[in-house]
C-alpha atoms as a PDB file:
ATOM      1  CA  UNK A   1     126.591 111.657  51.533  1.00  0.00           C
ATOM      2  CA  UNK A   2     125.797 111.261  55.289  1.00  0.00           C
ATOM      3  CA  UNK A   3     122.583 113.068  56.207  1.00  0.00           C
ATOM      4  CA  UNK A   4     123.362 115.216  59.356  1.00  0.00           C
ATOM      5  CA  UNK A   5     119.918 116.767  59.700  1.00  0.00           C
ATOM      6  CA  UNK A   6     118.711 116.534  63.250  1.00  0.00           C
ATOM      7  CA  UNK A   7     115.531 114.680  63.922  1.00  0.00           C
ATOM      8  CA  UNK A   8     114.076 117.720  65.777  1.00  0.00           C
ATOM      9  CA  UNK A   9     113.662 119.435  62.392  1.00  0.00           C
ATOM     10  CA  UNK A  10     111.140 116.874  61.308  1.00  0.00           C
ATOM     11  CA  UNK A  11     109.461 115.698  64.463  1.00  0.00           C
ATOM     12  CA  UNK A  12     107.520 117.807  66.946  1.00  0.00           C
ATOM     13  CA  UNK A  13     108.864 117.541  70.488  1.00  0.00           C
ATOM     14  CA  UNK A  14     106.758 118.702  73.408  1.00  0.00           C
ATOM     15  CA  UNK A  15     108.742 119.813  76.431  1.00  0.00           C
ATOM     16  CA  UNK A  16     108.812 117.994  79.732  1.00  0.00           C
ATOM     17  CA  UNK A  17     106.528 119.477  82.264  1.00  0.00           C
ATOM     18  CA  UNK A  18     105.516 119.165  86.057  1.00  0.00           C
ATOM     19  CA  UNK A  19     102.031 118.561  87.448  1.00  0.00           C
ATOM     20  CA  UNK A  20     100.593 118.209  90.895  1.00  0.00           C
ATOM     21  CA  UNK A  21      97.929 115.836  92.213  1.00  0.00           C
ATOM     22  CA  UNK A  22      96.571 114.320  95.499  1.00  0.00           C
ATOM     23  CA  UNK A  23      95.908 110.711  96.645  1.00  0.00           C
ATOM     24  CA  UNK A  24      92.065 110.680  97.019  1.00  0.00           C
ATOM     25  CA  UNK A  25      92.046 106.943  97.903  1.00  0.00           C
ATOM     26  CA  UNK A  26      94.257 103.881  98.263  1.00  0.00           C
ATOM     27  CA  UNK A  27      92.984 100.166  97.789  1.00  0.00           C
ATOM     28  CA  UNK A  28      94.445  96.701  98.080  1.00  0.00           C
ATOM     29  CA  UNK A  29      93.286  93.171  96.910  1.00  0.00           C
ATOM     30  CA  UNK A  30      94.520  90.918  99.682  1.00  0.00           C
ATOM     31  CA  UNK A  31      92.489  87.931  98.548  1.00  0.00           C
ATOM     32  CA  UNK A  32      92.735  85.646  95.560  1.00  0.00           C
ATOM     33  CA  UNK A  33      90.628  87.980  93.421  1.00  0.00           C
ATOM     34  CA  UNK A  34      91.317  91.298  91.727  1.00  0.00           C
ATOM     35  CA  UNK A  35      88.646  93.309  93.471  1.00  0.00           C
ATOM     36  CA  UNK A  36      90.192  95.696  95.989  1.00  0.00           C
ATOM     37  CA  UNK A  37      88.999  97.425  99.157  1.00  0.00           C
ATOM     38  CA  UNK A  38      89.742 100.776 100.710  1.00  0.00           C
ATOM     39  CA  UNK A  39      92.579 101.284 103.200  1.00  0.00           C
ATOM     40  CA  UNK A  40      94.482 104.124 104.944  1.00  0.00           C
ATOM     41  CA  UNK A  41      97.929 103.388 103.357  1.00  0.00           C
ATOM     42  CA  UNK A  42      99.791 100.964 101.055  1.00  0.00           C
ATOM     43  CA  UNK A  43     103.190  99.549 101.963  1.00  0.00           C
ATOM     44  CA  UNK A  44     105.315  98.957  98.744  1.00  0.00           C
ATOM     45  CA  UNK A  45     108.566  97.175  97.914  1.00  0.00           C
ATOM     46  CA  UNK A  46     109.994  96.407  94.531  1.00  0.00           C
ATOM     47  CA  UNK A  47     107.381  93.704  93.867  1.00  0.00           C
ATOM     48  CA  UNK A  48     104.570  96.280  94.235  1.00  0.00           C
ATOM     49  CA  UNK A  49     101.965  96.574  97.028  1.00  0.00           C
ATOM     50  CA  UNK A  50     102.780  94.034  99.810  1.00  0.00           C
ATOM     51  CA  UNK A  51     100.214  91.302  99.915  1.00  0.00           C
ATOM     52  CA  UNK A  52      98.365  92.608  96.890  1.00  0.00           C
ATOM     53  CA  UNK A  53      96.878  90.361  94.158  1.00  0.00           C
ATOM     54  CA  UNK A  54      99.029  91.843  91.551  1.00  0.00           C
ATOM     55  CA  UNK A  55     102.355  91.990  93.366  1.00  0.00           C
ATOM     56  CA  UNK A  56     105.308  90.257  92.062  1.00  0.00           C
ATOM     57  CA  UNK A  57     108.703  90.769  90.140  1.00  0.00           C
ATOM     58  CA  UNK A  58     107.161  88.802  87.337  1.00  0.00           C
ATOM     59  CA  UNK A  59     103.789  87.690  85.960  1.00  0.00           C
ATOM     60  CA  UNK A  60     102.272  85.377  83.544  1.00  0.00           C
ATOM     61  CA  UNK A  61     101.450  86.619  79.976  1.00  0.00           C
ATOM     62  CA  UNK A  62      97.798  86.684  79.020  1.00  0.00           C
ATOM     63  CA  UNK A  63      95.644  88.196  76.244  1.00  0.00           C
ATOM     64  CA  UNK A  64      97.510  91.507  76.315  1.00  0.00           C
ATOM     65  CA  UNK A  65     100.699  89.842  75.163  1.00  0.00           C
ATOM     66  CA  UNK A  66      99.787  87.806  71.933  1.00  0.00           C
ATOM     67  CA  UNK A  67     103.404  87.674  71.019  1.00  0.00           C
ATOM     68  CA  UNK A  68     104.026  85.106  73.961  1.00  0.00           C
ATOM     69  CA  UNK A  69     102.392  81.776  74.500  1.00  0.00           C
ATOM     70  CA  UNK A  70      99.804  82.363  77.174  1.00  0.00           C
ATOM     71  CA  UNK A  71     101.317  81.854  80.593  1.00  0.00           C
ATOM     72  CA  UNK A  72     104.763  82.916  79.783  1.00  0.00           C
ATOM     73  CA  UNK A  73     106.720  84.270  82.725  1.00  0.00           C
ATOM     74  CA  UNK A  74     107.546  87.932  82.166  1.00  0.00           C
ATOM     75  CA  UNK A  75     108.467  91.202  83.920  1.00  0.00           C
ATOM     76  CA  UNK A  76     105.566  92.427  86.045  1.00  0.00           C
ATOM     77  CA  UNK A  77     105.026  96.086  84.709  1.00  0.00           C
ATOM     78  CA  UNK A  78     101.420  96.112  85.923  1.00  0.00           C
ATOM     79  CA  UNK A  79     102.117  96.077  89.635  1.00  0.00           C
ATOM     80  CA  UNK A  80      99.761  98.917  90.518  1.00  0.00           C
ATOM     81  CA  UNK A  81      96.737 100.431  88.871  1.00  0.00           C
ATOM     82  CA  UNK A  82      96.125 104.238  89.069  1.00  0.00           C
ATOM     83  CA  UNK A  83      92.830 105.827  88.080  1.00  0.00           C
ATOM     84  CA  UNK A  84      91.153 109.223  88.313  1.00  0.00           C
ATOM     85  CA  UNK A  85      87.721 110.180  89.689  1.00  0.00           C
ATOM     86  CA  UNK A  86      86.658 112.430  86.776  1.00  0.00           C
ATOM     87  CA  UNK A  87      87.453 109.545  84.299  1.00  0.00           C
ATOM     88  CA  UNK A  88      85.462 107.034  86.341  1.00  0.00           C
ATOM     89  CA  UNK A  89      82.524 109.410  86.402  1.00  0.00           C
ATOM     90  CA  UNK A  90      82.675 109.727  82.681  1.00  0.00           C
ATOM     91  CA  UNK A  91      82.811 105.931  82.344  1.00  0.00           C
ATOM     92  CA  UNK A  92      79.733 105.486  84.629  1.00  0.00           C
ATOM     93  CA  UNK A  93      77.858 108.023  82.632  1.00  0.00           C
ATOM     94  CA  UNK A  94      78.646 106.254  79.390  1.00  0.00           C
ATOM     95  CA  UNK A  95      77.532 103.060  80.903  1.00  0.00           C
ATOM     96  CA  UNK A  96      74.244 104.529  82.205  1.00  0.00           C
ATOM     97  CA  UNK A  97      74.961 103.768  85.808  1.00  0.00           C
ATOM     98  CA  UNK A  98      75.393 105.813  88.935  1.00  0.00           C
ATOM     99  CA  UNK A  99      79.056 105.224  89.574  1.00  0.00           C
ATOM    100  CA  UNK A 100      82.101 103.025  88.945  1.00  0.00           C
ATOM    101  CA  UNK A 101      83.868 102.347  92.244  1.00  0.00           C
ATOM    102  CA  UNK A 102      87.661 101.945  92.086  1.00  0.00           C
ATOM    103  CA  UNK A 103      87.252  98.653  93.983  1.00  0.00           C
ATOM    104  CA  UNK A 104      85.180  97.024  91.273  1.00  0.00           C
ATOM    105  CA  UNK A 105      87.920  97.421  88.712  1.00  0.00           C
ATOM    106  CA  UNK A 106      90.793  96.443  90.868  1.00  0.00           C
ATOM    107  CA  UNK A 107      92.301  99.906  91.256  1.00  0.00           C
ATOM    108  CA  UNK A 108      94.986 100.689  93.904  1.00  0.00           C
ATOM    109  CA  UNK A 109      95.269 104.494  93.801  1.00  0.00           C
ATOM    110  CA  UNK A 110      92.784 107.141  93.006  1.00  0.00           C
ATOM    111  CA  UNK A 111      94.601 110.263  91.962  1.00  0.00           C
ATOM    112  CA  UNK A 112      92.808 113.491  91.866  1.00  0.00           C
ATOM    113  CA  UNK A 113      93.869 116.742  90.006  1.00  0.00           C
ATOM    114  CA  UNK A 114      95.332 115.539  86.699  1.00  0.00           C
ATOM    115  CA  UNK A 115      93.244 116.208  83.732  1.00  0.00           C
ATOM    116  CA  UNK A 116      93.222 113.252  81.274  1.00  0.00           C
ATOM    117  CA  UNK A 117      95.166 110.996  83.651  1.00  0.00           C
ATOM    118  CA  UNK A 118      94.878 108.160  81.345  1.00  0.00           C
ATOM    119  CA  UNK A 119      96.986 110.042  78.631  1.00  0.00           C
ATOM    120  CA  UNK A 120      99.958 110.452  80.691  1.00  0.00           C
ATOM    121  CA  UNK A 121     102.758 108.962  78.545  1.00  0.00           C
ATOM    122  CA  UNK A 122     104.983 105.919  79.317  1.00  0.00           C
ATOM    123  CA  UNK A 123     107.926 107.003  81.418  1.00  0.00           C
ATOM    124  CA  UNK A 124     106.079 109.657  83.533  1.00  0.00           C
ATOM    125  CA  UNK A 125     107.245 109.634  87.094  1.00  0.00           C
ATOM    126  CA  UNK A 126     104.929 109.962  90.152  1.00  0.00           C
ATOM    127  CA  UNK A 127     106.791 111.260  93.169  1.00  0.00           C
ATOM    128  CA  UNK A 128     104.779 110.758  96.424  1.00  0.00           C
ATOM    129  CA  UNK A 129     105.469 113.156  99.208  1.00  0.00           C
ATOM    130  CA  UNK A 130     106.206 110.274 101.550  1.00  0.00           C
ATOM    131  CA  UNK A 131     109.000 109.169  99.380  1.00  0.00           C
ATOM    132  CA  UNK A 132     107.519 106.468  97.012  1.00  0.00           C
ATOM    133  CA  UNK A 133     108.280 106.936  93.317  1.00  0.00           C
ATOM    134  CA  UNK A 134     106.126 105.101  90.622  1.00  0.00           C
ATOM    135  CA  UNK A 135     106.844 105.007  86.974  1.00  0.00           C
ATOM    136  CA  UNK A 136     104.112 104.768  84.377  1.00  0.00           C
ATOM    137  CA  UNK A 137     104.314 101.877  81.974  1.00  0.00           C
ATOM    138  CA  UNK A 138     101.191 102.207  79.785  1.00  0.00           C
ATOM    139  CA  UNK A 139      97.497 102.894  79.734  1.00  0.00           C
ATOM    140  CA  UNK A 140      95.455 100.151  81.308  1.00  0.00           C
ATOM    141  CA  UNK A 141      93.271  98.672  78.658  1.00  0.00           C
ATOM    142  CA  UNK A 142      89.756  97.941  79.889  1.00  0.00           C
ATOM    143  CA  UNK A 143      88.619  94.312  79.788  1.00  0.00           C
ATOM    144  CA  UNK A 144      85.480  92.257  80.137  1.00  0.00           C
ATOM    145  CA  UNK A 145      86.314  90.706  83.515  1.00  0.00           C
ATOM    146  CA  UNK A 146      86.228  94.191  85.193  1.00  0.00           C
ATOM    147  CA  UNK A 147      83.207  94.954  83.043  1.00  0.00           C
ATOM    148  CA  UNK A 148      81.443  91.962  84.385  1.00  0.00           C
ATOM    149  CA  UNK A 149      82.220  92.857  87.953  1.00  0.00           C
ATOM    150  CA  UNK A 150      80.756  96.401  87.447  1.00  0.00           C
ATOM    151  CA  UNK A 151      77.661  94.735  86.047  1.00  0.00           C
ATOM    152  CA  UNK A 152      77.317  92.516  88.952  1.00  0.00           C
ATOM    153  CA  UNK A 153      78.030  95.170  91.593  1.00  0.00           C
ATOM    154  CA  UNK A 154      75.368  97.610  90.001  1.00  0.00           C
ATOM    155  CA  UNK A 155      72.702  94.958  89.372  1.00  0.00           C
ATOM    156  CA  UNK A 156      72.709  95.228  85.645  1.00  0.00           C
ATOM    157  CA  UNK A 157      69.995  92.776  84.245  1.00  0.00           C
ATOM    158  CA  UNK A 158      72.199  91.684  81.433  1.00  0.00           C
ATOM    159  CA  UNK A 159      75.723  90.741  82.848  1.00  0.00           C
ATOM    160  CA  UNK A 160      77.213  89.893  79.536  1.00  0.00           C
ATOM    161  CA  UNK A 161      76.127  93.129  77.956  1.00  0.00           C
ATOM    162  CA  UNK A 162      77.578  94.963  80.869  1.00  0.00           C
ATOM    163  CA  UNK A 163      80.869  93.080  80.650  1.00  0.00           C
ATOM    164  CA  UNK A 164      81.181  94.014  76.930  1.00  0.00           C
ATOM    165  CA  UNK A 165      80.079  97.637  77.364  1.00  0.00           C
ATOM    166  CA  UNK A 166      82.901  98.520  79.819  1.00  0.00           C
ATOM    167  CA  UNK A 167      85.861  97.880  77.346  1.00  0.00           C
ATOM    168  CA  UNK A 168      83.966  99.849  74.683  1.00  0.00           C
ATOM    169  CA  UNK A 169      83.354 103.108  76.532  1.00  0.00           C
ATOM    170  CA  UNK A 170      86.313 103.024  79.016  1.00  0.00           C
ATOM    171  CA  UNK A 171      89.040 102.952  76.349  1.00  0.00           C
ATOM    172  CA  UNK A 172      91.592 105.650  77.133  1.00  0.00           C
ATOM    173  CA  UNK A 173      89.679 106.349  80.484  1.00  0.00           C
ATOM    174  CA  UNK A 174      90.802 103.156  82.430  1.00  0.00           C
ATOM    175  CA  UNK A 175      93.773 104.802  84.118  1.00  0.00           C
ATOM    176  CA  UNK A 176      97.347 103.655  84.130  1.00  0.00           C
ATOM    177  CA  UNK A 177      99.553 100.683  85.017  1.00  0.00           C
ATOM    178  CA  UNK A 178     102.670 101.521  86.991  1.00  0.00           C
ATOM    179  CA  UNK A 179     105.633  99.834  88.639  1.00  0.00           C
ATOM    180  CA  UNK A 180     107.698 100.713  91.696  1.00  0.00           C
ATOM    181  CA  UNK A 181     110.832 102.674  91.152  1.00  0.00           C
ATOM    182  CA  UNK A 182     111.414 103.622  94.832  1.00  0.00           C
ATOM    183  CA  UNK A 183     109.440 101.773  97.579  1.00  0.00           C
ATOM    184  CA  UNK A 184     107.875 103.047 100.759  1.00  0.00           C
ATOM    185  CA  UNK A 185     104.496 103.975 102.111  1.00  0.00           C
ATOM    186  CA  UNK A 186     101.593 105.787 100.295  1.00  0.00           C
ATOM    187  CA  UNK A 187      98.855 107.332 102.404  1.00  0.00           C
ATOM    188  CA  UNK A 188      95.503 108.593 101.519  1.00  0.00           C
ATOM    189  CA  UNK A 189      95.637 112.497 101.240  1.00  0.00           C
ATOM    190  CA  UNK A 190      99.200 112.510 100.239  1.00  0.00           C
ATOM    191  CA  UNK A 191     100.526 115.135  97.711  1.00  0.00           C
ATOM    192  CA  UNK A 192     102.034 113.830  94.409  1.00  0.00           C
ATOM    193  CA  UNK A 193     104.443 115.622  92.095  1.00  0.00           C
ATOM    194  CA  UNK A 194     104.311 114.388  88.573  1.00  0.00           C
ATOM    195  CA  UNK A 195     107.073 114.722  85.980  1.00  0.00           C
ATOM    196  CA  UNK A 196     105.848 114.227  82.435  1.00  0.00           C
ATOM    197  CA  UNK A 197     108.879 113.513  80.051  1.00  0.00           C
ATOM    198  CA  UNK A 198     109.460 114.952  76.631  1.00  0.00           C
ATOM    199  CA  UNK A 199     106.902 113.620  74.174  1.00  0.00           C
ATOM    200  CA  UNK A 200     106.973 112.998  70.370  1.00  0.00           C
ATOM    201  CA  UNK A 201     105.231 110.860  67.838  1.00  0.00           C
ATOM    202  CA  UNK A 202     107.474 108.446  65.998  1.00  0.00           C
ATOM    203  CA  UNK A 203     106.437 108.409  62.305  1.00  0.00           C
ATOM    204  CA  UNK A 204     109.443 107.227  60.364  1.00  0.00           C
END
């Protein structure tokens, strides 16, 4: 007999909600390196931030995609990195250093006002007052490359230890990778409306 029970009876579904935030800083990597520098505004099209290191319709697969041979061309869902100041302060404390600057880890947008920013689910929409819309793909997993840059910039005596420490302590604090759903211009100080979709845990 056909089971007509609705899935909502067995799965807890959290309702959608709206949040508010502010752009505390914007950053771009205009050279052949992931490290960014602060600027007043970002210009975006469907490739991401114009002239940024991570811009592009596609990218090459790496260690994050072990299901593809390294270097496979794939959709670029990692166009832009968004982080939060409170999470960076926590990472710095766990690493025993004074600060982790957005530039050192290649961040593009510093977003203030969202508790647990890195836990926003995939599909969350970021509506910027100036007209840009960004869509969350996933959490940004911390890596040793960014960890080593932090170690270099803060003068850690053991660079290899610093490179390994960052992925260990920054898990679920590293921010989000997002892609451009609606292009335009993002300015420092801009207000952002955030729409979190319904959430559930798939446990079949």
